[in-house]
Every structure is written in C-alpha cells, then in structure tokens.
Amino acid sequence: MPTSNVSISFTAAGTIPIKVALHERLVSGMLNQHFIRPVHVQVIPTNKCNLHCAFCSCRDRDPYQELALHPLLGCLQDFRQLGCEAVTITGGGEPLLYKGLPELIGHCHNLGIGVGLVTNGSLLQDMDPSVLSLLRWCRISCADGRKTDFTQLGGVLALTPNVDWAFSYVLSGEPNYSRLEDHILFASSRGMTHVRVVPDLCQSGPHMDSMVHEAKIAMLARGVDISTVIFQDRAHTCRGGAYCRISLLKPVLAADGWIYPCCGVQYASDDAPHDMTPSMRMCPMGEVKDFWSCQQPFDGRRCDHCHYMGYNSLLESIPKIRHREFV
C-alpha cells in the first residue's frame, strides 16, 4: 500500500486541492446540479481561552461569545442535510472549555460526520477518553514560547490509539529549534501522523518569508528525520477573487452565530483586527439552508491575503470542463 502524501492529506492552505478532485459526490453535484456542498464545516463553539498566546490570530475576539448548544446541534443537522461530511472543532478560544463539547462530538458522530479537533492541549487530560476516541484526528497547537507536557500527553495518546494525533508548531521571530526538535522526536516516537511547522502570521518583517525554510535547514543539520514534517510557508499569498467558492465548500461557524467564508478571515485584510469581523459574514447560522440554496459565493475581493486560490481555481473550473474523457 502506498504511503500517504502527508502535506495533501493533512493540510489545505497552499496545497494542490487533490481532495476536491477525488470527492465524487462533490464533483457530481457541481457538474449535474451546479451545487457546491458544505462538505467540511469548521466550528468555533466558544471564544473562551485559558492561555494568552502571542501568536493568536483571534486575540481581539470577544472572550464571552459562545454558541448555545441546541441551536448549534440544529445548525449541524442542517449542514448534514446539505452534504456536510466533516466538522473541525477549533478556536476562537479553546474548544475544551466548551461545556457542551462531549454532546457536540457525540452529535456529529451520530450524524455520520467525521470530527477533528484543534486544541492547545493543556486540558486534554480532563477529557473522557471515550469522547476523544470518537475523533478522527486531533491537532495540538504548540509554539516556541510554550512548553508541552509530553508525559501527560503520552498518557492521553495511549488511551486513544485510533485517533490521528499531530502537532501544529508556530515559529516565533526567535525560533527555538531545540523545542521544535523535541516535538518532532516525540511525534515520531508516538506514531503521530505529522508535525506542521508554520510562521507566526501576527508578525511581520523580511524574516517571515524565510523562517520556515530556515527551520527545515536547521532540523536537517541536526540530523532530524523530517519525513512526517510539513513545513508550511504561509507568508506568500495572493489577493482574493470575486467568487470565493471555497466559502461554500468549507465555511466557518463562529462563536457569534454567523457563518464566515474560511478560517483565514482574521488576517485576510491588511487592516483587519484579529477576529471574525462583521464585513466577512455570509449568513446567520439559522439560515444556512436558504443561503446554500442560492449558491452565492463570498466576494473575496475584500481579502488582501488568500491562502486557498488553488481551491477556488479548481472549484471554478470543474463545471466548465468539456471533453473530460481526453485526460
């Protein structure tokens, strides 16, 4: 059996959108009904957080915003009827502070929706392992400026062997290569799927363009096996286009109860605060069925920085292709 392509399997920003081409129901719906399903919905259930990370892309958010559980479950049922197959529970804040998280995960599981979780990892030991075991994957955010309790985390991983675990490591302006190496070695020793290395998008300066590449060179110089490390340079983007079709494919339901086009709206505009801003809203969570029936993509021209132009280009092209047998 071929080994998986780590980058395409576990990331979307800046990658070739092969998953779109392989999704038969999505492609069929686009060709025959001109309908883009919300296949992957990202949910921010709460803005509460127990940490104050310097690299937080949502640090200007209202920390008191939180979704009521039953309207949230109803919205996900609507998304399921529209074709949702996957939900990523993320922040915003720290999802493990959301009291309804076990019910949220269980509800998605019962609907046949695959669930992923993005967390800072500090509260994982307090979660019921039977709930965590319902996850398809869990990605733990970590950084140069924060230690990870590997002993505690190892115990959680041991109780959830069927979950795909990974790290997302944020490089600061002064990278801690020893700490990065520790995370890569731990991930390798515990069979985690990958370590994603990204720059701090809240920083700016000429060093940003090269810091991920420099981290890769540093790991190679240390003799570290980087075969399951994704060095994702997110500093290079392009301007958004008029028809942001990825907004229909993988929208975000934020803690304010509104639907947004993607997970990058906090830093999509040069003058945007680190928050989900009203100018980026698509529709309230109670109106998703009516909104998707219209199939009106988000106007991405207001985005100075787009990480998903590859997806948008492919989503635009699929319905327009003739002579498909001449591959």
C-alpha atoms as a PDB file:
ATOM      1  CA  MET A   1       0.000   0.000   0.000  1.00  0.00           C
ATOM      2  CA  PRO A   2       1.472   3.422  -0.908  1.00  0.00           C
ATOM      3  CA  THR A   3       2.427   5.713   1.928  1.00  0.00           C
ATOM      4  CA  SER A   4       0.223   8.769   2.347  1.00  0.00           C
ATOM      5  CA  ASN A   5       1.122  12.169   0.980  1.00  0.00           C
ATOM      6  CA  VAL A   6       1.460  13.958   4.305  1.00  0.00           C
ATOM      7  CA  SER A   7       1.012  17.513   3.064  1.00  0.00           C
ATOM      8  CA  ILE A   8      -2.054  16.881   0.902  1.00  0.00           C
ATOM      9  CA  SER A   9      -3.595  14.507   3.454  1.00  0.00           C
ATOM     10  CA  PHE A  10      -3.377  16.817   6.453  1.00  0.00           C
ATOM     11  CA  THR A  11      -3.294  20.421   5.202  1.00  0.00           C
ATOM     12  CA  ALA A  12      -5.243  22.628   2.781  1.00  0.00           C
ATOM     13  CA  ALA A  13      -3.641  26.084   2.668  1.00  0.00           C
ATOM     14  CA  GLY A  14      -1.207  26.405  -0.203  1.00  0.00           C
ATOM     15  CA  THR A  15      -1.657  22.811  -1.411  1.00  0.00           C
ATOM     16  CA  ILE A  16      -2.884  21.274  -4.654  1.00  0.00           C
ATOM     17  CA  PRO A  17      -6.579  20.546  -3.934  1.00  0.00           C
ATOM     18  CA  ILE A  18      -6.472  16.875  -4.913  1.00  0.00           C
ATOM     19  CA  LYS A  19      -9.126  16.028  -2.308  1.00  0.00           C
ATOM     20  CA  VAL A  20     -11.636  18.098  -4.294  1.00  0.00           C
ATOM     21  CA  ALA A  21     -10.943  16.132  -7.465  1.00  0.00           C
ATOM     22  CA  LEU A  22     -11.275  12.823  -5.600  1.00  0.00           C
ATOM     23  CA  HIS A  23     -14.601  13.680  -3.939  1.00  0.00           C
ATOM     24  CA  GLU A  24     -17.116  12.031  -6.270  1.00  0.00           C
ATOM     25  CA  ARG A  25     -20.296  13.421  -4.666  1.00  0.00           C
ATOM     26  CA  LEU A  26     -18.902  16.942  -4.623  1.00  0.00           C
ATOM     27  CA  VAL A  27     -17.787  16.826  -8.241  1.00  0.00           C
ATOM     28  CA  SER A  28     -21.029  15.148  -9.355  1.00  0.00           C
ATOM     29  CA  GLY A  29     -23.093  17.823  -7.613  1.00  0.00           C
ATOM     30  CA  MET A  30     -21.092  20.573  -9.263  1.00  0.00           C
ATOM     31  CA  LEU A  31     -21.427  19.018 -12.718  1.00  0.00           C
ATOM     32  CA  ASN A  32     -25.073  17.975 -12.568  1.00  0.00           C
ATOM     33  CA  GLN A  33     -26.752  20.356 -10.104  1.00  0.00           C
ATOM     34  CA  HIS A  34     -24.253  23.252 -10.104  1.00  0.00           C
ATOM     35  CA  PHE A  35     -24.243  22.863  -6.321  1.00  0.00           C
ATOM     36  CA  ILE A  36     -21.221  23.059  -4.004  1.00  0.00           C
ATOM     37  CA  ARG A  37     -21.832  21.069  -0.827  1.00  0.00           C
ATOM     38  CA  PRO A  38     -20.549  22.359   2.539  1.00  0.00           C
ATOM     39  CA  VAL A  39     -18.502  19.176   2.843  1.00  0.00           C
ATOM     40  CA  HIS A  40     -16.261  20.433   5.658  1.00  0.00           C
ATOM     41  CA  VAL A  41     -17.607  22.843   8.276  1.00  0.00           C
ATOM     42  CA  GLN A  42     -15.289  24.431  10.832  1.00  0.00           C
ATOM     43  CA  VAL A  43     -16.962  25.229  14.157  1.00  0.00           C
ATOM     44  CA  ILE A  44     -15.805  27.725  16.783  1.00  0.00           C
ATOM     45  CA  PRO A  45     -18.064  26.864  19.744  1.00  0.00           C
ATOM     46  CA  THR A  46     -16.523  29.314  22.213  1.00  0.00           C
ATOM     47  CA  ASN A  47     -14.175  32.285  22.382  1.00  0.00           C
ATOM     48  CA  LYS A  48     -13.092  31.452  25.937  1.00  0.00           C
ATOM     49  CA  CYS A  49      -9.453  30.521  26.357  1.00  0.00           C
ATOM     50  CA  ASN A  50      -7.163  29.617  29.230  1.00  0.00           C
ATOM     51  CA  LEU A  51      -3.994  30.880  27.508  1.00  0.00           C
ATOM     52  CA  HIS A  52      -2.783  34.198  26.091  1.00  0.00           C
ATOM     53  CA  CYS A  53      -0.588  33.205  23.163  1.00  0.00           C
ATOM     54  CA  ALA A  54       1.300  35.981  21.387  1.00  0.00           C
ATOM     55  CA  PHE A  55       0.651  34.321  18.022  1.00  0.00           C
ATOM     56  CA  CYS A  56      -3.136  34.025  18.482  1.00  0.00           C
ATOM     57  CA  SER A  57      -4.937  35.066  15.294  1.00  0.00           C
ATOM     58  CA  CYS A  58      -8.149  35.637  17.321  1.00  0.00           C
ATOM     59  CA  ARG A  59      -6.713  37.675  20.166  1.00  0.00           C
ATOM     60  CA  ASP A  60      -9.043  40.641  19.549  1.00  0.00           C
ATOM     61  CA  ARG A  61     -12.184  38.494  19.886  1.00  0.00           C
ATOM     62  CA  ASP A  62     -14.930  38.928  22.466  1.00  0.00           C
ATOM     63  CA  PRO A  63     -13.982  36.251  25.048  1.00  0.00           C
ATOM     64  CA  TYR A  64     -17.566  35.983  26.276  1.00  0.00           C
ATOM     65  CA  GLN A  65     -19.055  34.872  22.959  1.00  0.00           C
ATOM     66  CA  GLU A  66     -20.210  31.274  22.900  1.00  0.00           C
ATOM     67  CA  LEU A  67     -22.700  29.223  20.900  1.00  0.00           C
ATOM     68  CA  ALA A  68     -25.745  27.823  22.692  1.00  0.00           C
ATOM     69  CA  LEU A  69     -25.625  24.047  22.381  1.00  0.00           C
ATOM     70  CA  HIS A  70     -29.050  23.193  20.955  1.00  0.00           C
ATOM     71  CA  PRO A  71     -29.054  25.812  18.148  1.00  0.00           C
ATOM     72  CA  LEU A  72     -25.542  24.624  17.294  1.00  0.00           C
ATOM     73  CA  LEU A  73     -26.673  20.995  17.062  1.00  0.00           C
ATOM     74  CA  GLY A  74     -29.614  22.064  14.907  1.00  0.00           C
ATOM     75  CA  CYS A  75     -27.345  24.018  12.572  1.00  0.00           C
ATOM     76  CA  LEU A  76     -25.083  20.990  12.142  1.00  0.00           C
ATOM     77  CA  GLN A  77     -28.124  18.882  11.315  1.00  0.00           C
ATOM     78  CA  ASP A  78     -28.958  21.400   8.576  1.00  0.00           C
ATOM     79  CA  PHE A  79     -25.392  21.244   7.286  1.00  0.00           C
ATOM     80  CA  ARG A  80     -25.565  17.446   7.283  1.00  0.00           C
ATOM     81  CA  GLN A  81     -28.668  17.566   5.098  1.00  0.00           C
ATOM     82  CA  LEU A  82     -26.785  19.876   2.731  1.00  0.00           C
ATOM     83  CA  GLY A  83     -23.951  17.357   2.413  1.00  0.00           C
ATOM     84  CA  CYS A  84     -21.607  18.006   5.330  1.00  0.00           C
ATOM     85  CA  GLU A  85     -19.284  15.061   5.955  1.00  0.00           C
ATOM     86  CA  ALA A  86     -16.670  16.558   8.279  1.00  0.00           C
ATOM     87  CA  VAL A  87     -16.503  19.049  11.138  1.00  0.00           C
ATOM     88  CA  THR A  88     -13.392  20.603  12.622  1.00  0.00           C
ATOM     89  CA  ILE A  89     -13.915  21.967  16.143  1.00  0.00           C
ATOM     90  CA  THR A  90     -11.466  24.812  16.667  1.00  0.00           C
ATOM     91  CA  GLY A  91     -10.954  28.358  18.034  1.00  0.00           C
ATOM     92  CA  GLY A  92     -11.705  31.191  18.556  1.00  0.00           C
ATOM     93  CA  GLY A  93     -10.982  30.143  22.043  1.00  0.00           C
ATOM     94  CA  GLU A  94     -10.021  26.768  23.484  1.00  0.00           C
ATOM     95  CA  PRO A  95     -12.698  24.216  22.460  1.00  0.00           C
ATOM     96  CA  LEU A  96     -12.143  22.088  25.566  1.00  0.00           C
ATOM     97  CA  LEU A  97     -13.589  24.936  27.656  1.00  0.00           C
ATOM     98  CA  TYR A  98     -16.945  24.492  25.902  1.00  0.00           C
ATOM     99  CA  LYS A  99     -19.188  22.611  28.344  1.00  0.00           C
ATOM    100  CA  GLY A 100     -21.214  21.062  25.554  1.00  0.00           C
ATOM    101  CA  LEU A 101     -18.185  19.617  23.769  1.00  0.00           C
ATOM    102  CA  PRO A 102     -18.958  15.936  24.566  1.00  0.00           C
ATOM    103  CA  GLU A 103     -22.505  16.390  23.258  1.00  0.00           C
ATOM    104  CA  LEU A 104     -21.219  18.231  20.192  1.00  0.00           C
ATOM    105  CA  ILE A 105     -18.751  15.471  19.328  1.00  0.00           C
ATOM    106  CA  GLY A 106     -21.318  12.755  20.015  1.00  0.00           C
ATOM    107  CA  HIS A 107     -23.959  14.517  17.904  1.00  0.00           C
ATOM    108  CA  CYS A 108     -21.620  14.753  14.909  1.00  0.00           C
ATOM    109  CA  HIS A 109     -20.646  11.109  15.356  1.00  0.00           C
ATOM    110  CA  ASN A 110     -24.304  10.021  15.428  1.00  0.00           C
ATOM    111  CA  LEU A 111     -24.998  12.037  12.266  1.00  0.00           C
ATOM    112  CA  GLY A 112     -22.182  10.220  10.484  1.00  0.00           C
ATOM    113  CA  ILE A 113     -19.969  13.313  10.399  1.00  0.00           C
ATOM    114  CA  GLY A 114     -16.229  12.852  10.911  1.00  0.00           C
ATOM    115  CA  VAL A 115     -14.845  15.082  13.658  1.00  0.00           C
ATOM    116  CA  GLY A 116     -11.446  16.750  14.027  1.00  0.00           C
ATOM    117  CA  LEU A 117     -10.305  18.867  16.971  1.00  0.00           C
ATOM    118  CA  VAL A 118      -7.774  21.701  17.239  1.00  0.00           C
ATOM    119  CA  THR A 119      -6.696  22.401  20.823  1.00  0.00           C
ATOM    120  CA  ASN A 120      -3.830  23.892  22.816  1.00  0.00           C
ATOM    121  CA  GLY A 121      -3.661  20.510  24.573  1.00  0.00           C
ATOM    122  CA  SER A 122      -3.476  21.823  28.141  1.00  0.00           C
ATOM    123  CA  LEU A 123      -6.822  20.327  29.167  1.00  0.00           C
ATOM    124  CA  LEU A 124      -6.781  17.037  27.275  1.00  0.00           C
ATOM    125  CA  GLN A 125      -6.137  15.019  30.434  1.00  0.00           C
ATOM    126  CA  ASP A 126      -9.519  16.209  31.757  1.00  0.00           C
ATOM    127  CA  MET A 127     -11.457  14.837  28.781  1.00  0.00           C
ATOM    128  CA  ASP A 128     -13.233  11.492  28.851  1.00  0.00           C
ATOM    129  CA  PRO A 129     -11.106   9.164  26.668  1.00  0.00           C
ATOM    130  CA  SER A 130     -14.284   7.580  25.287  1.00  0.00           C
ATOM    131  CA  VAL A 131     -15.275  11.017  23.901  1.00  0.00           C
ATOM    132  CA  LEU A 132     -11.820  11.714  22.494  1.00  0.00           C
ATOM    133  CA  SER A 133     -11.893   8.287  20.836  1.00  0.00           C
ATOM    134  CA  LEU A 134     -14.798   9.466  18.662  1.00  0.00           C
ATOM    135  CA  LEU A 135     -12.432  11.905  16.929  1.00  0.00           C
ATOM    136  CA  ARG A 136     -10.885  11.140  13.561  1.00  0.00           C
ATOM    137  CA  TRP A 137      -7.936  13.382  14.382  1.00  0.00           C
ATOM    138  CA  CYS A 138      -6.681  15.921  16.906  1.00  0.00           C
ATOM    139  CA  ARG A 139      -4.056  18.601  16.238  1.00  0.00           C
ATOM    140  CA  ILE A 140      -2.324  20.214  19.202  1.00  0.00           C
ATOM    141  CA  SER A 141      -1.152  23.808  18.820  1.00  0.00           C
ATOM    142  CA  CYS A 142       2.287  24.467  20.277  1.00  0.00           C
ATOM    143  CA  ALA A 143       4.982  27.091  19.884  1.00  0.00           C
ATOM    144  CA  ASP A 144       8.488  28.293  20.644  1.00  0.00           C
ATOM    145  CA  GLY A 145       7.285  30.132  23.723  1.00  0.00           C
ATOM    146  CA  ARG A 146       5.301  27.336  25.359  1.00  0.00           C
ATOM    147  CA  LYS A 147       6.366  24.009  26.840  1.00  0.00           C
ATOM    148  CA  THR A 148       4.426  20.834  26.109  1.00  0.00           C
ATOM    149  CA  ASP A 149       3.918  18.274  28.878  1.00  0.00           C
ATOM    150  CA  PHE A 150       4.983  15.201  26.902  1.00  0.00           C
ATOM    151  CA  THR A 151       4.463  12.828  29.832  1.00  0.00           C
ATOM    152  CA  GLN A 152       0.854  13.896  30.298  1.00  0.00           C
ATOM    153  CA  LEU A 153       0.197  13.934  26.567  1.00  0.00           C
ATOM    154  CA  GLY A 154       1.694  10.470  26.187  1.00  0.00           C
ATOM    155  CA  GLY A 155      -0.877   9.133  28.623  1.00  0.00           C
ATOM    156  CA  VAL A 156      -3.734  10.634  26.599  1.00  0.00           C
ATOM    157  CA  LEU A 157      -2.369   9.196  23.353  1.00  0.00           C
ATOM    158  CA  ALA A 158      -2.075   5.755  24.913  1.00  0.00           C
ATOM    159  CA  LEU A 159      -5.806   5.779  25.738  1.00  0.00           C
ATOM    160  CA  THR A 160      -6.858   6.892  22.239  1.00  0.00           C
ATOM    161  CA  PRO A 161      -4.888   4.730  19.773  1.00  0.00           C
ATOM    162  CA  ASN A 162      -7.410   5.126  16.928  1.00  0.00           C
ATOM    163  CA  VAL A 163      -7.154   8.927  16.810  1.00  0.00           C
ATOM    164  CA  ASP A 164      -4.719  10.549  14.354  1.00  0.00           C
ATOM    165  CA  TRP A 165      -2.689  12.895  16.574  1.00  0.00           C
ATOM    166  CA  ALA A 166      -0.498  15.728  15.293  1.00  0.00           C
ATOM    167  CA  PHE A 167       1.266  18.933  16.307  1.00  0.00           C
ATOM    168  CA  SER A 168       0.968  22.380  14.732  1.00  0.00           C
ATOM    169  CA  TYR A 169       4.121  24.224  15.726  1.00  0.00           C
ATOM    170  CA  VAL A 170       4.231  28.035  15.429  1.00  0.00           C
ATOM    171  CA  LEU A 171       7.634  29.618  14.869  1.00  0.00           C
ATOM    172  CA  SER A 172       8.252  32.952  16.566  1.00  0.00           C
ATOM    173  CA  GLY A 173      10.609  35.716  15.462  1.00  0.00           C
ATOM    174  CA  GLU A 174      13.289  33.972  17.552  1.00  0.00           C
ATOM    175  CA  PRO A 175      12.787  30.266  16.817  1.00  0.00           C
ATOM    176  CA  ASN A 176      13.548  27.687  19.499  1.00  0.00           C
ATOM    177  CA  TYR A 177      14.923  24.878  17.340  1.00  0.00           C
ATOM    178  CA  SER A 178      15.603  22.613  20.321  1.00  0.00           C
ATOM    179  CA  ARG A 179      11.944  22.760  21.305  1.00  0.00           C
ATOM    180  CA  LEU A 180      10.862  22.121  17.717  1.00  0.00           C
ATOM    181  CA  GLU A 181      13.172  19.112  17.558  1.00  0.00           C
ATOM    182  CA  ASP A 182      11.686  17.763  20.816  1.00  0.00           C
ATOM    183  CA  HIS A 183       8.195  17.917  19.316  1.00  0.00           C
ATOM    184  CA  ILE A 184       9.285  16.170  16.114  1.00  0.00           C
ATOM    185  CA  LEU A 185      11.039  13.401  18.049  1.00  0.00           C
ATOM    186  CA  PHE A 186       8.064  12.902  20.379  1.00  0.00           C
ATOM    187  CA  ALA A 187       5.661  12.780  17.433  1.00  0.00           C
ATOM    188  CA  SER A 188       7.811  10.190  15.703  1.00  0.00           C
ATOM    189  CA  SER A 189       8.196   8.023  18.799  1.00  0.00           C
ATOM    190  CA  ARG A 190       4.428   8.000  19.478  1.00  0.00           C
ATOM    191  CA  GLY A 191       3.265   7.391  15.924  1.00  0.00           C
ATOM    192  CA  MET A 192       1.683  10.813  15.449  1.00  0.00           C
ATOM    193  CA  THR A 193       0.771  11.486  11.838  1.00  0.00           C
ATOM    194  CA  HIS A 194       2.763  14.688  11.368  1.00  0.00           C
ATOM    195  CA  VAL A 195       4.134  17.953  12.700  1.00  0.00           C
ATOM    196  CA  ARG A 196       3.084  21.064  10.829  1.00  0.00           C
ATOM    197  CA  VAL A 197       5.524  23.967  11.127  1.00  0.00           C
ATOM    198  CA  VAL A 198       4.118  27.416  10.366  1.00  0.00           C
ATOM    199  CA  PRO A 199       5.219  31.030  10.861  1.00  0.00           C
ATOM    200  CA  ASP A 200       3.518  33.406  13.272  1.00  0.00           C
ATOM    201  CA  LEU A 201       1.166  35.303  10.960  1.00  0.00           C
ATOM    202  CA  CYS A 202       0.701  38.010  13.587  1.00  0.00           C
ATOM    203  CA  GLN A 203       4.292  39.114  12.994  1.00  0.00           C
ATOM    204  CA  SER A 204       5.698  40.975  10.024  1.00  0.00           C
ATOM    205  CA  GLY A 205       9.095  41.709   8.556  1.00  0.00           C
ATOM    206  CA  PRO A 206      11.522  40.313   5.992  1.00  0.00           C
ATOM    207  CA  HIS A 207      12.439  37.358   8.222  1.00  0.00           C
ATOM    208  CA  MET A 208       8.890  35.992   7.903  1.00  0.00           C
ATOM    209  CA  ASP A 209       9.448  34.920   4.291  1.00  0.00           C
ATOM    210  CA  SER A 210      12.339  32.627   5.156  1.00  0.00           C
ATOM    211  CA  MET A 211      11.784  31.417   8.725  1.00  0.00           C
ATOM    212  CA  VAL A 212      10.050  28.137   7.790  1.00  0.00           C
ATOM    213  CA  HIS A 213      12.784  27.268   5.288  1.00  0.00           C
ATOM    214  CA  GLU A 214      15.430  28.123   7.872  1.00  0.00           C
ATOM    215  CA  ALA A 215      13.717  25.820  10.379  1.00  0.00           C
ATOM    216  CA  LYS A 216      13.831  22.991   7.837  1.00  0.00           C
ATOM    217  CA  ILE A 217      17.546  23.551   7.236  1.00  0.00           C
ATOM    218  CA  ALA A 218      18.154  23.607  10.999  1.00  0.00           C
ATOM    219  CA  MET A 219      16.372  20.271  11.501  1.00  0.00           C
ATOM    220  CA  LEU A 220      18.331  18.660   8.679  1.00  0.00           C
ATOM    221  CA  ALA A 221      21.582  19.991  10.146  1.00  0.00           C
ATOM    222  CA  ARG A 222      20.651  18.326  13.452  1.00  0.00           C
ATOM    223  CA  GLY A 223      20.037  15.013  11.706  1.00  0.00           C
ATOM    224  CA  VAL A 224      16.298  15.030  12.456  1.00  0.00           C
ATOM    225  CA  ASP A 225      14.051  12.799  10.343  1.00  0.00           C
ATOM    226  CA  ILE A 226      11.598  15.253   8.750  1.00  0.00           C
ATOM    227  CA  SER A 227       9.673  12.752   6.597  1.00  0.00           C
ATOM    228  CA  THR A 228       6.451  13.479   8.513  1.00  0.00           C
ATOM    229  CA  VAL A 229       7.067  17.207   8.990  1.00  0.00           C
ATOM    230  CA  ILE A 230       5.107  19.717   6.905  1.00  0.00           C
ATOM    231  CA  PHE A 231       6.998  22.997   6.568  1.00  0.00           C
ATOM    232  CA  GLN A 232       4.150  25.277   5.523  1.00  0.00           C
ATOM    233  CA  ASP A 233       5.228  28.712   4.343  1.00  0.00           C
ATOM    234  CA  ARG A 234       2.067  30.776   4.786  1.00  0.00           C
ATOM    235  CA  ALA A 235       3.792  34.120   4.227  1.00  0.00           C
ATOM    236  CA  HIS A 236       3.166  34.027   0.468  1.00  0.00           C
ATOM    237  CA  THR A 237      -0.447  34.683  -0.521  1.00  0.00           C
ATOM    238  CA  CYS A 238      -2.419  36.274  -3.325  1.00  0.00           C
ATOM    239  CA  ARG A 239      -5.318  38.685  -3.451  1.00  0.00           C
ATOM    240  CA  GLY A 240      -8.802  37.180  -3.223  1.00  0.00           C
ATOM    241  CA  GLY A 241     -11.104  36.901  -6.228  1.00  0.00           C
ATOM    242  CA  ALA A 242     -14.732  37.909  -6.766  1.00  0.00           C
ATOM    243  CA  TYR A 243     -16.077  34.364  -6.453  1.00  0.00           C
ATOM    244  CA  CYS A 244     -14.712  32.657  -3.348  1.00  0.00           C
ATOM    245  CA  ARG A 245     -16.202  29.203  -3.890  1.00  0.00           C
ATOM    246  CA  ILE A 246     -14.306  27.635  -1.023  1.00  0.00           C
ATOM    247  CA  SER A 247     -16.695  29.635   1.176  1.00  0.00           C
ATOM    248  CA  LEU A 248     -19.416  27.189   0.106  1.00  0.00           C
ATOM    249  CA  LEU A 249     -17.191  24.124   0.451  1.00  0.00           C
ATOM    250  CA  LYS A 250     -15.647  24.641   3.905  1.00  0.00           C
ATOM    251  CA  PRO A 251     -17.278  27.535   5.788  1.00  0.00           C
ATOM    252  CA  VAL A 252     -16.721  28.556   9.402  1.00  0.00           C
ATOM    253  CA  LEU A 253     -19.449  28.753  12.046  1.00  0.00           C
ATOM    254  CA  ALA A 254     -18.085  31.224  14.605  1.00  0.00           C
ATOM    255  CA  ALA A 255     -18.944  31.774  18.257  1.00  0.00           C
ATOM    256  CA  ASP A 256     -21.016  34.866  17.348  1.00  0.00           C
ATOM    257  CA  GLY A 257     -23.520  32.667  15.495  1.00  0.00           C
ATOM    258  CA  TRP A 258     -22.541  33.779  11.968  1.00  0.00           C
ATOM    259  CA  ILE A 259     -21.139  31.857   9.015  1.00  0.00           C
ATOM    260  CA  TYR A 260     -17.811  33.059   7.586  1.00  0.00           C
ATOM    261  CA  PRO A 261     -16.055  32.052   4.339  1.00  0.00           C
ATOM    262  CA  CYS A 262     -12.888  30.460   5.712  1.00  0.00           C
ATOM    263  CA  CYS A 263     -10.614  30.075   8.708  1.00  0.00           C
ATOM    264  CA  GLY A 264      -8.264  32.799   7.472  1.00  0.00           C
ATOM    265  CA  VAL A 265     -10.560  35.814   7.674  1.00  0.00           C
ATOM    266  CA  GLN A 266      -8.797  37.070  10.834  1.00  0.00           C
ATOM    267  CA  TYR A 267      -5.764  38.013   8.754  1.00  0.00           C
ATOM    268  CA  ALA A 268      -7.264  38.221   5.266  1.00  0.00           C
ATOM    269  CA  SER A 269      -7.226  42.040   5.168  1.00  0.00           C
ATOM    270  CA  ASP A 270      -4.307  44.324   5.887  1.00  0.00           C
ATOM    271  CA  ASP A 271      -6.377  46.402   8.296  1.00  0.00           C
ATOM    272  CA  ALA A 272      -8.384  43.557   9.869  1.00  0.00           C
ATOM    273  CA  PRO A 273      -8.353  43.025  13.636  1.00  0.00           C
ATOM    274  CA  HIS A 274      -7.503  39.552  14.885  1.00  0.00           C
ATOM    275  CA  ASP A 275     -11.122  38.473  14.964  1.00  0.00           C
ATOM    276  CA  MET A 276     -14.039  37.340  12.803  1.00  0.00           C
ATOM    277  CA  THR A 277     -15.156  40.746  11.519  1.00  0.00           C
ATOM    278  CA  PRO A 278     -18.765  41.626  10.502  1.00  0.00           C
ATOM    279  CA  SER A 279     -17.630  42.628   7.000  1.00  0.00           C
ATOM    280  CA  MET A 280     -16.741  38.973   6.350  1.00  0.00           C
ATOM    281  CA  ARG A 281     -20.111  37.489   7.372  1.00  0.00           C
ATOM    282  CA  MET A 282     -22.126  35.311   4.989  1.00  0.00           C
ATOM    283  CA  CYS A 283     -25.341  34.458   6.869  1.00  0.00           C
ATOM    284  CA  PRO A 284     -26.667  33.704  10.378  1.00  0.00           C
ATOM    285  CA  MET A 285     -26.412  30.082  11.500  1.00  0.00           C
ATOM    286  CA  GLY A 286     -30.198  29.656  11.352  1.00  0.00           C
ATOM    287  CA  GLU A 287     -30.337  30.458   7.635  1.00  0.00           C
ATOM    288  CA  VAL A 288     -27.796  28.048   6.152  1.00  0.00           C
ATOM    289  CA  LYS A 289     -30.339  26.042   4.143  1.00  0.00           C
ATOM    290  CA  ASP A 290     -31.724  29.109   2.386  1.00  0.00           C
ATOM    291  CA  PHE A 291     -28.253  30.551   1.864  1.00  0.00           C
ATOM    292  CA  TRP A 292     -26.813  27.377   0.298  1.00  0.00           C
ATOM    293  CA  SER A 293     -29.834  27.025  -1.967  1.00  0.00           C
ATOM    294  CA  CYS A 294     -28.804  30.327  -3.599  1.00  0.00           C
ATOM    295  CA  GLN A 295     -25.193  29.167  -4.093  1.00  0.00           C
ATOM    296  CA  GLN A 296     -23.842  32.703  -3.830  1.00  0.00           C
ATOM    297  CA  PRO A 297     -20.074  32.592  -3.162  1.00  0.00           C
ATOM    298  CA  PHE A 298     -18.441  35.090  -0.854  1.00  0.00           C
ATOM    299  CA  ASP A 299     -16.933  38.138  -2.587  1.00  0.00           C
ATOM    300  CA  GLY A 300     -13.253  37.574  -1.886  1.00  0.00           C
ATOM    301  CA  ARG A 301     -12.106  40.845  -3.425  1.00  0.00           C
ATOM    302  CA  ARG A 302     -12.115  42.315   0.071  1.00  0.00           C
ATOM    303  CA  CYS A 303      -9.352  39.823   1.030  1.00  0.00           C
ATOM    304  CA  ASP A 304      -5.811  41.120   0.641  1.00  0.00           C
ATOM    305  CA  HIS A 305      -4.403  37.691   1.505  1.00  0.00           C
ATOM    306  CA  CYS A 306      -5.878  34.390   0.248  1.00  0.00           C
ATOM    307  CA  HIS A 307      -4.361  31.004   1.081  1.00  0.00           C
ATOM    308  CA  TYR A 308      -6.860  28.974  -0.936  1.00  0.00           C
ATOM    309  CA  MET A 309      -6.671  30.262  -4.504  1.00  0.00           C
ATOM    310  CA  GLY A 310      -5.795  26.766  -5.724  1.00  0.00           C
ATOM    311  CA  TYR A 311      -9.086  25.501  -4.335  1.00  0.00           C
ATOM    312  CA  ASN A 312     -11.037  28.391  -5.825  1.00  0.00           C
ATOM    313  CA  SER A 313      -9.470  27.914  -9.249  1.00  0.00           C
ATOM    314  CA  LEU A 314     -10.361  24.220  -9.318  1.00  0.00           C
ATOM    315  CA  LEU A 315     -13.897  24.766  -7.982  1.00  0.00           C
ATOM    316  CA  GLU A 316     -14.469  27.346 -10.708  1.00  0.00           C
ATOM    317  CA  SER A 317     -13.045  25.134 -13.455  1.00  0.00           C
ATOM    318  CA  ILE A 318     -14.818  21.820 -12.803  1.00  0.00           C
ATOM    319  CA  PRO A 319     -18.272  22.742 -14.198  1.00  0.00           C
ATOM    320  CA  LYS A 320     -16.705  24.351 -17.283  1.00  0.00           C
ATOM    321  CA  ILE A 321     -14.579  21.418 -18.480  1.00  0.00           C
ATOM    322  CA  ARG A 322     -15.526  19.776 -21.801  1.00  0.00           C
ATOM    323  CA  HIS A 323     -14.111  16.612 -23.400  1.00  0.00           C
ATOM    324  CA  ARG A 324     -13.454  15.173 -19.949  1.00  0.00           C
ATOM    325  CA  GLU A 325     -12.523  11.772 -21.391  1.00  0.00           C
ATOM    326  CA  PHE A 326      -9.429  13.311 -23.029  1.00  0.00           C
ATOM    327  CA  VAL A 327      -7.421  13.288 -19.812  1.00  0.00           C
END
